[in-house]
PDB file of N, CA and C in Angstrom:
ATOM      1  N   MET A   1     -11.759   4.710  17.080  1.00  0.00           N
ATOM      2  CA  MET A   1     -11.987   3.403  16.529  1.00  0.00           C
ATOM      3  C   MET A   1     -13.455   3.033  16.607  1.00  0.00           C
ATOM      4  N   ASN A   2     -14.280   3.808  15.989  1.00  0.00           N
ATOM      5  CA  ASN A   2     -15.707   3.516  15.962  1.00  0.00           C
ATOM      6  C   ASN A   2     -16.060   2.517  14.873  1.00  0.00           C
ATOM      7  N   ASP A   3     -15.199   2.396  13.886  1.00  0.00           N
ATOM      8  CA  ASP A   3     -15.451   1.494  12.772  1.00  0.00           C
ATOM      9  C   ASP A   3     -15.104   0.057  13.171  1.00  0.00           C
ATOM     10  N   PRO A   4     -16.077  -0.868  13.162  1.00  0.00           N
ATOM     11  CA  PRO A   4     -15.778  -2.243  13.572  1.00  0.00           C
ATOM     12  C   PRO A   4     -14.806  -2.957  12.637  1.00  0.00           C
ATOM     13  N   VAL A   5     -14.798  -2.588  11.365  1.00  0.00           N
ATOM     14  CA  VAL A   5     -13.860  -3.211  10.434  1.00  0.00           C
ATOM     15  C   VAL A   5     -12.440  -2.822  10.808  1.00  0.00           C
ATOM     16  N   SER A   6     -12.238  -1.566  11.173  1.00  0.00           N
ATOM     17  CA  SER A   6     -10.918  -1.103  11.563  1.00  0.00           C
ATOM     18  C   SER A   6     -10.447  -1.800  12.836  1.00  0.00           C
ATOM     19  N   ALA A   7     -11.347  -1.971  13.803  1.00  0.00           N
ATOM     20  CA  ALA A   7     -10.982  -2.643  15.049  1.00  0.00           C
ATOM     21  C   ALA A   7     -10.605  -4.096  14.780  1.00  0.00           C
ATOM     22  N   THR A   8     -11.336  -4.748  13.909  1.00  0.00           N
ATOM     23  CA  THR A   8     -11.025  -6.133  13.557  1.00  0.00           C
ATOM     24  C   THR A   8      -9.683  -6.222  12.851  1.00  0.00           C
ATOM     25  N   ARG A   9      -9.426  -5.285  11.959  1.00  0.00           N
ATOM     26  CA  ARG A   9      -8.153  -5.279  11.232  1.00  0.00           C
ATOM     27  C   ARG A   9      -6.982  -5.076  12.183  1.00  0.00           C
ATOM     28  N   VAL A  10      -7.144  -4.162  13.144  1.00  0.00           N
ATOM     29  CA  VAL A  10      -6.080  -3.911  14.116  1.00  0.00           C
ATOM     30  C   VAL A  10      -5.841  -5.150  14.972  1.00  0.00           C
ATOM     31  N   LEU A  11      -6.905  -5.790  15.420  1.00  0.00           N
ATOM     32  CA  LEU A  11      -6.776  -6.987  16.252  1.00  0.00           C
ATOM     33  C   LEU A  11      -6.084  -8.117  15.491  1.00  0.00           C
ATOM     34  N   CYS A  12      -6.505  -8.361  14.269  1.00  0.00           N
ATOM     35  CA  CYS A  12      -5.880  -9.421  13.466  1.00  0.00           C
ATOM     36  C   CYS A  12      -4.415  -9.104  13.179  1.00  0.00           C
ATOM     37  N   GLY A  13      -4.129  -7.848  12.889  1.00  0.00           N
ATOM     38  CA  GLY A  13      -2.743  -7.449  12.652  1.00  0.00           C
ATOM     39  C   GLY A  13      -1.879  -7.645  13.879  1.00  0.00           C
ATOM     40  N   ALA A  14      -2.420  -7.315  15.053  1.00  0.00           N
ATOM     41  CA  ALA A  14      -1.668  -7.488  16.294  1.00  0.00           C
ATOM     42  C   ALA A  14      -1.432  -8.964  16.597  1.00  0.00           C
ATOM     43  N   LEU A  15      -2.398  -9.800  16.281  1.00  0.00           N
ATOM     44  CA  LEU A  15      -2.231 -11.233  16.531  1.00  0.00           C
ATOM     45  C   LEU A  15      -1.265 -11.882  15.539  1.00  0.00           C
ATOM     46  N   LEU A  16      -1.214 -11.368  14.320  1.00  0.00           N
ATOM     47  CA  LEU A  16      -0.342 -11.950  13.300  1.00  0.00           C
ATOM     48  C   LEU A  16       1.088 -11.413  13.332  1.00  0.00           C
ATOM     49  N   LEU A  17       1.316 -10.274  13.980  1.00  0.00           N
ATOM     50  CA  LEU A  17       2.644  -9.656  13.966  1.00  0.00           C
ATOM     51  C   LEU A  17       3.740 -10.584  14.486  1.00  0.00           C
ATOM     52  N   PRO A  18       3.577 -11.277  15.614  1.00  0.00           N
ATOM     53  CA  PRO A  18       4.664 -12.167  16.063  1.00  0.00           C
ATOM     54  C   PRO A  18       4.998 -13.276  15.060  1.00  0.00           C
ATOM     55  N   THR A  19       3.981 -13.823  14.422  1.00  0.00           N
ATOM     56  CA  THR A  19       4.220 -14.880  13.436  1.00  0.00           C
ATOM     57  C   THR A  19       4.965 -14.328  12.226  1.00  0.00           C
ATOM     58  N   ILE A  20       4.520 -13.185  11.736  1.00  0.00           N
ATOM     59  CA  ILE A  20       5.171 -12.568  10.575  1.00  0.00           C
ATOM     60  C   ILE A  20       6.589 -12.145  10.928  1.00  0.00           C
ATOM     61  N   ALA A  21       6.784 -11.610  12.141  1.00  0.00           N
ATOM     62  CA  ALA A  21       8.119 -11.206  12.579  1.00  0.00           C
ATOM     63  C   ALA A  21       9.053 -12.408  12.633  1.00  0.00           C
ATOM     64  N   SER A  22       8.549 -13.516  13.136  1.00  0.00           N
ATOM     65  CA  SER A  22       9.361 -14.735  13.207  1.00  0.00           C
ATOM     66  C   SER A  22       9.734 -15.230  11.810  1.00  0.00           C
ATOM     67  N   LEU A  23       8.776 -15.216  10.895  1.00  0.00           N
ATOM     68  CA  LEU A  23       9.053 -15.658   9.519  1.00  0.00           C
ATOM     69  C   LEU A  23      10.060 -14.744   8.828  1.00  0.00           C
ATOM     70  N   CYS A  24       9.878 -13.437   8.976  1.00  0.00           N
ATOM     71  CA  CYS A  24      10.825 -12.491   8.367  1.00  0.00           C
ATOM     72  C   CYS A  24      12.213 -12.657   8.971  1.00  0.00           C
ATOM     73  N   GLY A  25      12.265 -12.903  10.279  1.00  0.00           N
ATOM     74  CA  GLY A  25      13.555 -13.128  10.928  1.00  0.00           C
ATOM     75  C   GLY A  25      14.256 -14.359  10.388  1.00  0.00           C
ATOM     76  N   ARG A  26      13.506 -15.429  10.178  1.00  0.00           N
ATOM     77  CA  ARG A  26      14.103 -16.658   9.632  1.00  0.00           C
ATOM     78  C   ARG A  26      14.587 -16.456   8.205  1.00  0.00           C
ATOM     79  N   ILE A  27      13.838 -15.678   7.434  1.00  0.00           N
ATOM     80  CA  ILE A  27      14.195 -15.481   6.024  1.00  0.00           C
ATOM     81  C   ILE A  27      15.383 -14.528   5.871  1.00  0.00           C
ATOM     82  N   PHE A  28      15.326 -13.374   6.546  1.00  0.00           N
ATOM     83  CA  PHE A  28      16.327 -12.329   6.324  1.00  0.00           C
ATOM     84  C   PHE A  28      17.525 -12.393   7.264  1.00  0.00           C
ATOM     85  N   PHE A  29      17.376 -12.986   8.434  1.00  0.00           N
ATOM     86  CA  PHE A  29      18.435 -12.939   9.443  1.00  0.00           C
ATOM     87  C   PHE A  29      18.792 -14.334   9.944  1.00  0.00           C
ATOM     88  N   GLU A  30      19.031 -15.257   9.045  1.00  0.00           N
ATOM     89  CA  GLU A  30      19.339 -16.624   9.469  1.00  0.00           C
ATOM     90  C   GLU A  30      20.710 -16.744  10.112  1.00  0.00           C
ATOM     91  N   SER A  31      21.588 -15.770   9.908  1.00  0.00           N
ATOM     92  CA  SER A  31      22.930 -15.846  10.495  1.00  0.00           C
ATOM     93  C   SER A  31      22.937 -15.530  11.995  1.00  0.00           C
ATOM     94  N   ILE A  32      21.879 -14.923  12.511  1.00  0.00           N
ATOM     95  CA  ILE A  32      21.804 -14.583  13.935  1.00  0.00           C
ATOM     96  C   ILE A  32      21.317 -15.811  14.699  1.00  0.00           C
ATOM     97  N   SER A  33      22.060 -16.164  15.752  1.00  0.00           N
ATOM     98  CA  SER A  33      21.752 -17.414  16.459  1.00  0.00           C
ATOM     99  C   SER A  33      20.614 -17.272  17.469  1.00  0.00           C
ATOM    100  N   SER A  34      20.440 -16.106  18.063  1.00  0.00           N
ATOM    101  CA  SER A  34      19.402 -15.920  19.078  1.00  0.00           C
ATOM    102  C   SER A  34      18.025 -15.780  18.420  1.00  0.00           C
ATOM    103  N   ASN A  35      17.095 -16.645  18.812  1.00  0.00           N
ATOM    104  CA  ASN A  35      15.743 -16.583  18.250  1.00  0.00           C
ATOM    105  C   ASN A  35      15.061 -15.263  18.581  1.00  0.00           C
ATOM    106  N   PHE A  36      15.277 -14.765  19.797  1.00  0.00           N
ATOM    107  CA  PHE A  36      14.646 -13.514  20.218  1.00  0.00           C
ATOM    108  C   PHE A  36      15.127 -12.341  19.366  1.00  0.00           C
ATOM    109  N   GLN A  37      16.448 -12.240  19.181  1.00  0.00           N
ATOM    110  CA  GLN A  37      16.995 -11.149  18.361  1.00  0.00           C
ATOM    111  C   GLN A  37      16.525 -11.272  16.913  1.00  0.00           C
ATOM    112  N   ARG A  38      16.507 -12.496  16.419  1.00  0.00           N
ATOM    113  CA  ARG A  38      16.063 -12.730  15.041  1.00  0.00           C
ATOM    114  C   ARG A  38      14.611 -12.293  14.860  1.00  0.00           C
ATOM    115  N   THR A  39      13.764 -12.602  15.847  1.00  0.00           N
ATOM    116  CA  THR A  39      12.354 -12.219  15.770  1.00  0.00           C
ATOM    117  C   THR A  39      12.197 -10.705  15.856  1.00  0.00           C
ATOM    118  N   LEU A  40      12.964 -10.066  16.751  1.00  0.00           N
ATOM    119  CA  LEU A  40      12.900  -8.600  16.850  1.00  0.00           C
ATOM    120  C   LEU A  40      13.334  -7.940  15.543  1.00  0.00           C
ATOM    121  N   LEU A  41      14.430  -8.410  14.974  1.00  0.00           N
ATOM    122  CA  LEU A  41      14.894  -7.845  13.703  1.00  0.00           C
ATOM    123  C   LEU A  41      13.904  -8.128  12.573  1.00  0.00           C
ATOM    124  N   GLY A  42      13.308  -9.304  12.588  1.00  0.00           N
ATOM    125  CA  GLY A  42      12.293  -9.629  11.585  1.00  0.00           C
ATOM    126  C   GLY A  42      11.084  -8.726  11.700  1.00  0.00           C
ATOM    127  N   GLY A  43      10.661  -8.438  12.940  1.00  0.00           N
ATOM    128  CA  GLY A  43       9.539  -7.519  13.154  1.00  0.00           C
ATOM    129  C   GLY A  43       9.863  -6.116  12.681  1.00  0.00           C
ATOM    130  N   ALA A  44      11.078  -5.663  12.997  1.00  0.00           N
ATOM    131  CA  ALA A  44      11.487  -4.325  12.547  1.00  0.00           C
ATOM    132  C   ALA A  44      11.549  -4.265  11.021  1.00  0.00           C
ATOM    133  N   ALA A  45      12.075  -5.322  10.410  1.00  0.00           N
ATOM    134  CA  ALA A  45      12.150  -5.359   8.947  1.00  0.00           C
ATOM    135  C   ALA A  45      10.754  -5.357   8.336  1.00  0.00           C
ATOM    136  N   PHE A  46       9.848  -6.144   8.894  1.00  0.00           N
ATOM    137  CA  PHE A  46       8.480  -6.206   8.370  1.00  0.00           C
ATOM    138  C   PHE A  46       7.794  -4.849   8.471  1.00  0.00           C
ATOM    139  N   ILE A  47       7.910  -4.205   9.630  1.00  0.00           N
ATOM    140  CA  ILE A  47       7.260  -2.904   9.822  1.00  0.00           C
ATOM    141  C   ILE A  47       7.866  -1.859   8.892  1.00  0.00           C
ATOM    142  N   THR A  48       9.190  -1.919   8.683  1.00  0.00           N
ATOM    143  CA  THR A  48       9.852  -0.976   7.774  1.00  0.00           C
ATOM    144  C   THR A  48       9.395  -1.180   6.331  1.00  0.00           C
ATOM    145  N   ILE A  49       9.367  -2.423   5.891  1.00  0.00           N
ATOM    146  CA  ILE A  49       8.939  -2.720   4.512  1.00  0.00           C
ATOM    147  C   ILE A  49       7.474  -2.342   4.316  1.00  0.00           C
ATOM    148  N   LYS A  50       6.646  -2.658   5.306  1.00  0.00           N
ATOM    149  CA  LYS A  50       5.222  -2.312   5.227  1.00  0.00           C
ATOM    150  C   LYS A  50       5.043  -0.794   5.151  1.00  0.00           C
ATOM    151  N   GLY A  51       5.819  -0.049   5.940  1.00  0.00           N
ATOM    152  CA  GLY A  51       5.748   1.413   5.907  1.00  0.00           C
ATOM    153  C   GLY A  51       6.177   1.979   4.566  1.00  0.00           C
ATOM    154  N   ALA A  52       7.228   1.391   3.989  1.00  0.00           N
ATOM    155  CA  ALA A  52       7.697   1.862   2.682  1.00  0.00           C
ATOM    156  C   ALA A  52       6.634   1.640   1.609  1.00  0.00           C
ATOM    157  N   PHE A  53       5.990   0.464   1.640  1.00  0.00           N
ATOM    158  CA  PHE A  53       4.911   0.212   0.684  1.00  0.00           C
ATOM    159  C   PHE A  53       3.742   1.166   0.894  1.00  0.00           C
ATOM    160  N   LYS A  54       3.447   1.484   2.144  1.00  0.00           N
ATOM    161  CA  LYS A  54       2.350   2.404   2.444  1.00  0.00           C
ATOM    162  C   LYS A  54       2.645   3.805   1.903  1.00  0.00           C
ATOM    163  N   ILE A  55       3.886   4.261   2.098  1.00  0.00           N
ATOM    164  CA  ILE A  55       4.287   5.580   1.593  1.00  0.00           C
ATOM    165  C   ILE A  55       4.205   5.608   0.070  1.00  0.00           C
ATOM    166  N   TYR A  56       4.699   4.556  -0.581  1.00  0.00           N
ATOM    167  CA  TYR A  56       4.645   4.488  -2.038  1.00  0.00           C
ATOM    168  C   TYR A  56       3.202   4.520  -2.536  1.00  0.00           C
ATOM    169  N   HIS A  57       2.327   3.764  -1.883  1.00  0.00           N
ATOM    170  CA  HIS A  57       0.915   3.726  -2.273  1.00  0.00           C
ATOM    171  C   HIS A  57       0.268   5.102  -2.110  1.00  0.00           C
ATOM    172  N   LYS A  58       0.531   5.776  -0.999  1.00  0.00           N
ATOM    173  CA  LYS A  58      -0.043   7.107  -0.772  1.00  0.00           C
ATOM    174  C   LYS A  58       0.469   8.101  -1.810  1.00  0.00           C
ATOM    175  N   GLN A  59       1.743   7.985  -2.176  1.00  0.00           N
ATOM    176  CA  GLN A  59       2.307   8.884  -3.185  1.00  0.00           C
ATOM    177  C   GLN A  59       1.631   8.665  -4.536  1.00  0.00           C
ATOM    178  N   GLN A  60       1.422   7.425  -4.916  1.00  0.00           N
ATOM    179  CA  GLN A  60       0.752   7.133  -6.179  1.00  0.00           C
ATOM    180  C   GLN A  60      -0.692   7.613  -6.167  1.00  0.00           C
ATOM    181  N   GLN A  61      -1.370   7.451  -5.024  1.00  0.00           N
ATOM    182  CA  GLN A  61      -2.739   7.951  -4.887  1.00  0.00           C
ATOM    183  C   GLN A  61      -2.770   9.465  -5.065  1.00  0.00           C
ATOM    184  N   TYR A  62      -1.824  10.157  -4.439  1.00  0.00           N
ATOM    185  CA  TYR A  62      -1.767  11.614  -4.528  1.00  0.00           C
ATOM    186  C   TYR A  62      -1.526  12.056  -5.968  1.00  0.00           C
ATOM    187  N   LYS A  63      -0.606  11.388  -6.660  1.00  0.00           N
ATOM    188  CA  LYS A  63      -0.332  11.747  -8.048  1.00  0.00           C
ATOM    189  C   LYS A  63      -1.564  11.561  -8.921  1.00  0.00           C
ATOM    190  N   ARG A  64      -2.309  10.455  -8.694  1.00  0.00           N
ATOM    191  CA  ARG A  64      -3.535  10.218  -9.466  1.00  0.00           C
ATOM    192  C   ARG A  64      -4.585  11.279  -9.169  1.00  0.00           C
ATOM    193  N   GLN A  65      -4.720  11.649  -7.900  1.00  0.00           N
ATOM    194  CA  GLN A  65      -5.740  12.628  -7.526  1.00  0.00           C
ATOM    195  C   GLN A  65      -5.410  14.020  -8.053  1.00  0.00           C
ATOM    196  N   CYS A  66      -4.127  14.322  -8.204  1.00  0.00           N
ATOM    197  CA  CYS A  66      -3.746  15.630  -8.746  1.00  0.00           C
ATOM    198  C   CYS A  66      -4.109  15.756 -10.223  1.00  0.00           C
ATOM    199  N   GLN A  67      -4.208  14.646 -10.915  1.00  0.00           N
ATOM    200  CA  GLN A  67      -4.513  14.674 -12.343  1.00  0.00           C
ATOM    201  C   GLN A  67      -6.004  14.718 -12.634  1.00  0.00           C
ATOM    202  N   ARG A  68      -6.830  14.547 -11.610  1.00  0.00           N
ATOM    203  CA  ARG A  68      -8.282  14.535 -11.838  1.00  0.00           C
ATOM    204  C   ARG A  68      -8.799  15.947 -12.086  1.00  0.00           C
ATOM    205  N   ARG A  69      -9.830  16.016 -12.897  1.00  0.00           N
ATOM    206  CA  ARG A  69     -10.484  17.300 -13.162  1.00  0.00           C
ATOM    207  C   ARG A  69     -11.983  17.102 -13.098  1.00  0.00           C
ATOM    208  N   VAL A  70     -12.667  18.087 -12.555  1.00  0.00           N
ATOM    209  CA  VAL A  70     -14.124  18.064 -12.509  1.00  0.00           C
ATOM    210  C   VAL A  70     -14.614  18.972 -13.627  1.00  0.00           C
ATOM    211  N   MET A  71     -15.447  18.417 -14.502  1.00  0.00           N
ATOM    212  CA  MET A  71     -15.941  19.186 -15.642  1.00  0.00           C
ATOM    213  C   MET A  71     -17.453  19.052 -15.715  1.00  0.00           C
ATOM    214  N   ASP A  72     -18.083  20.035 -16.333  1.00  0.00           N
ATOM    215  CA  ASP A  72     -19.518  19.955 -16.572  1.00  0.00           C
ATOM    216  C   ASP A  72     -19.789  18.876 -17.622  1.00  0.00           C
ATOM    217  N   TYR A  73     -20.939  18.243 -17.500  1.00  0.00           N
ATOM    218  CA  TYR A  73     -21.317  17.203 -18.453  1.00  0.00           C
ATOM    219  C   TYR A  73     -22.005  17.878 -19.635  1.00  0.00           C
ATOM    220  N   THR A  74     -21.196  18.307 -20.591  1.00  0.00           N
ATOM    221  CA  THR A  74     -21.714  18.910 -21.819  1.00  0.00           C
ATOM    222  C   THR A  74     -21.213  18.078 -22.998  1.00  0.00           C
ATOM    223  N   GLU A  75     -21.841  18.290 -24.139  1.00  0.00           N
ATOM    224  CA  GLU A  75     -21.450  17.526 -25.331  1.00  0.00           C
ATOM    225  C   GLU A  75     -19.995  17.785 -25.707  1.00  0.00           C
ATOM    226  N   SER A  76     -19.561  19.038 -25.606  1.00  0.00           N
ATOM    227  CA  SER A  76     -18.181  19.348 -25.985  1.00  0.00           C
ATOM    228  C   SER A  76     -17.182  18.694 -25.022  1.00  0.00           C
ATOM    229  N   ASN A  77     -17.497  18.684 -23.724  1.00  0.00           N
ATOM    230  CA  ASN A  77     -16.599  18.049 -22.760  1.00  0.00           C
ATOM    231  C   ASN A  77     -16.569  16.530 -22.931  1.00  0.00           C
ATOM    232  N   VAL A  78     -17.709  15.937 -23.258  1.00  0.00           N
ATOM    233  CA  VAL A  78     -17.754  14.494 -23.492  1.00  0.00           C
ATOM    234  C   VAL A  78     -16.927  14.149 -24.726  1.00  0.00           C
ATOM    235  N   ALA A  79     -17.056  14.942 -25.780  1.00  0.00           N
ATOM    236  CA  ALA A  79     -16.275  14.703 -26.995  1.00  0.00           C
ATOM    237  C   ALA A  79     -14.782  14.866 -26.716  1.00  0.00           C
ATOM    238  N   LEU A  80     -14.422  15.879 -25.937  1.00  0.00           N
ATOM    239  CA  LEU A  80     -13.022  16.098 -25.574  1.00  0.00           C
ATOM    240  C   LEU A  80     -12.484  14.907 -24.779  1.00  0.00           C
ATOM    241  N   TYR A  81     -13.265  14.422 -23.843  1.00  0.00           N
ATOM    242  CA  TYR A  81     -12.857  13.273 -23.031  1.00  0.00           C
ATOM    243  C   TYR A  81     -12.650  12.035 -23.902  1.00  0.00           C
ATOM    244  N   LYS A  82     -13.568  11.806 -24.834  1.00  0.00           N
ATOM    245  CA  LYS A  82     -13.452  10.639 -25.708  1.00  0.00           C
ATOM    246  C   LYS A  82     -12.218  10.742 -26.598  1.00  0.00           C
ATOM    247  N   ARG A  83     -11.920  11.955 -27.088  1.00  0.00           N
ATOM    248  CA  ARG A  83     -10.722  12.136 -27.910  1.00  0.00           C
ATOM    249  C   ARG A  83      -9.460  11.848 -27.108  1.00  0.00           C
ATOM    250  N   GLN A  84      -9.432  12.307 -25.851  1.00  0.00           N
ATOM    251  CA  GLN A  84      -8.265  12.050 -25.003  1.00  0.00           C
ATOM    252  C   GLN A  84      -8.098  10.559 -24.738  1.00  0.00           C
ATOM    253  N   GLN A  85      -9.196   9.856 -24.504  1.00  0.00           N
ATOM    254  CA  GLN A  85      -9.128   8.415 -24.260  1.00  0.00           C
ATOM    255  C   GLN A  85      -8.638   7.679 -25.506  1.00  0.00           C
ATOM    256  N   ASP A  86      -9.115   8.108 -26.674  1.00  0.00           N
ATOM    257  CA  ASP A  86      -8.692   7.472 -27.918  1.00  0.00           C
ATOM    258  C   ASP A  86      -7.206   7.700 -28.174  1.00  0.00           C
ATOM    259  N   SER A  87      -6.727   8.922 -27.923  1.00  0.00           N
ATOM    260  CA  SER A  87      -5.311   9.208 -28.157  1.00  0.00           C
ATOM    261  C   SER A  87      -4.427   8.453 -27.166  1.00  0.00           C
ATOM    262  N   GLU A  88      -4.903   8.257 -25.935  1.00  0.00           N
ATOM    263  CA  GLU A  88      -4.127   7.488 -24.958  1.00  0.00           C
ATOM    264  C   GLU A  88      -4.093   6.012 -25.324  1.00  0.00           C
ATOM    265  N   SER A  89      -5.182   5.487 -25.846  1.00  0.00           N
ATOM    266  CA  SER A  89      -5.203   4.072 -26.232  1.00  0.00           C
ATOM    267  C   SER A  89      -4.354   3.835 -27.482  1.00  0.00           C
ATOM    268  N   ASP A  90      -4.229   4.846 -28.353  1.00  0.00           N
ATOM    269  CA  ASP A  90      -3.386   4.712 -29.536  1.00  0.00           C
ATOM    270  C   ASP A  90      -1.912   4.651 -29.150  1.00  0.00           C
ATOM    271  N   ARG A  91      -1.532   5.359 -28.082  1.00  0.00           N
ATOM    272  CA  ARG A  91      -0.145   5.362 -27.618  1.00  0.00           C
ATOM    273  C   ARG A  91       0.252   4.025 -27.012  1.00  0.00           C
ATOM    274  N   SER A  92      -0.696   3.310 -26.458  1.00  0.00           N
ATOM    275  CA  SER A  92      -0.379   2.043 -25.765  1.00  0.00           C
ATOM    276  C   SER A  92      -0.114   0.906 -26.679  1.00  0.00           C
TER     277      SER A  92
END
C-alpha cells in the first residue's frame, strides 16, 4: 500500500461499510427483526453484489483488451482503420 490514493480509498471504504451494510439490510431484509442479523446480512449482500460487479467489469475489460491490435502507422493501415470505423458507424 505505497499508493496514498489506495490507502485513502481503503480507509473510506472501511468507514462506510457499516453504514452501507445497515442500509442494505433495511432494504433487502426488512422481515428480520434483529438489527444485528439484518446488518450482517446487508453487509454480506453488499459485498456479494460489489464482487459480482467487479467480476463483470474485469470480464468486459478482458474482452476489450483481446480485441486490440498494435499496427504500424502507415498510410494503408490508417486507411484500413478508417474503413473499419466507417463500416461500424453504418451498422449503428
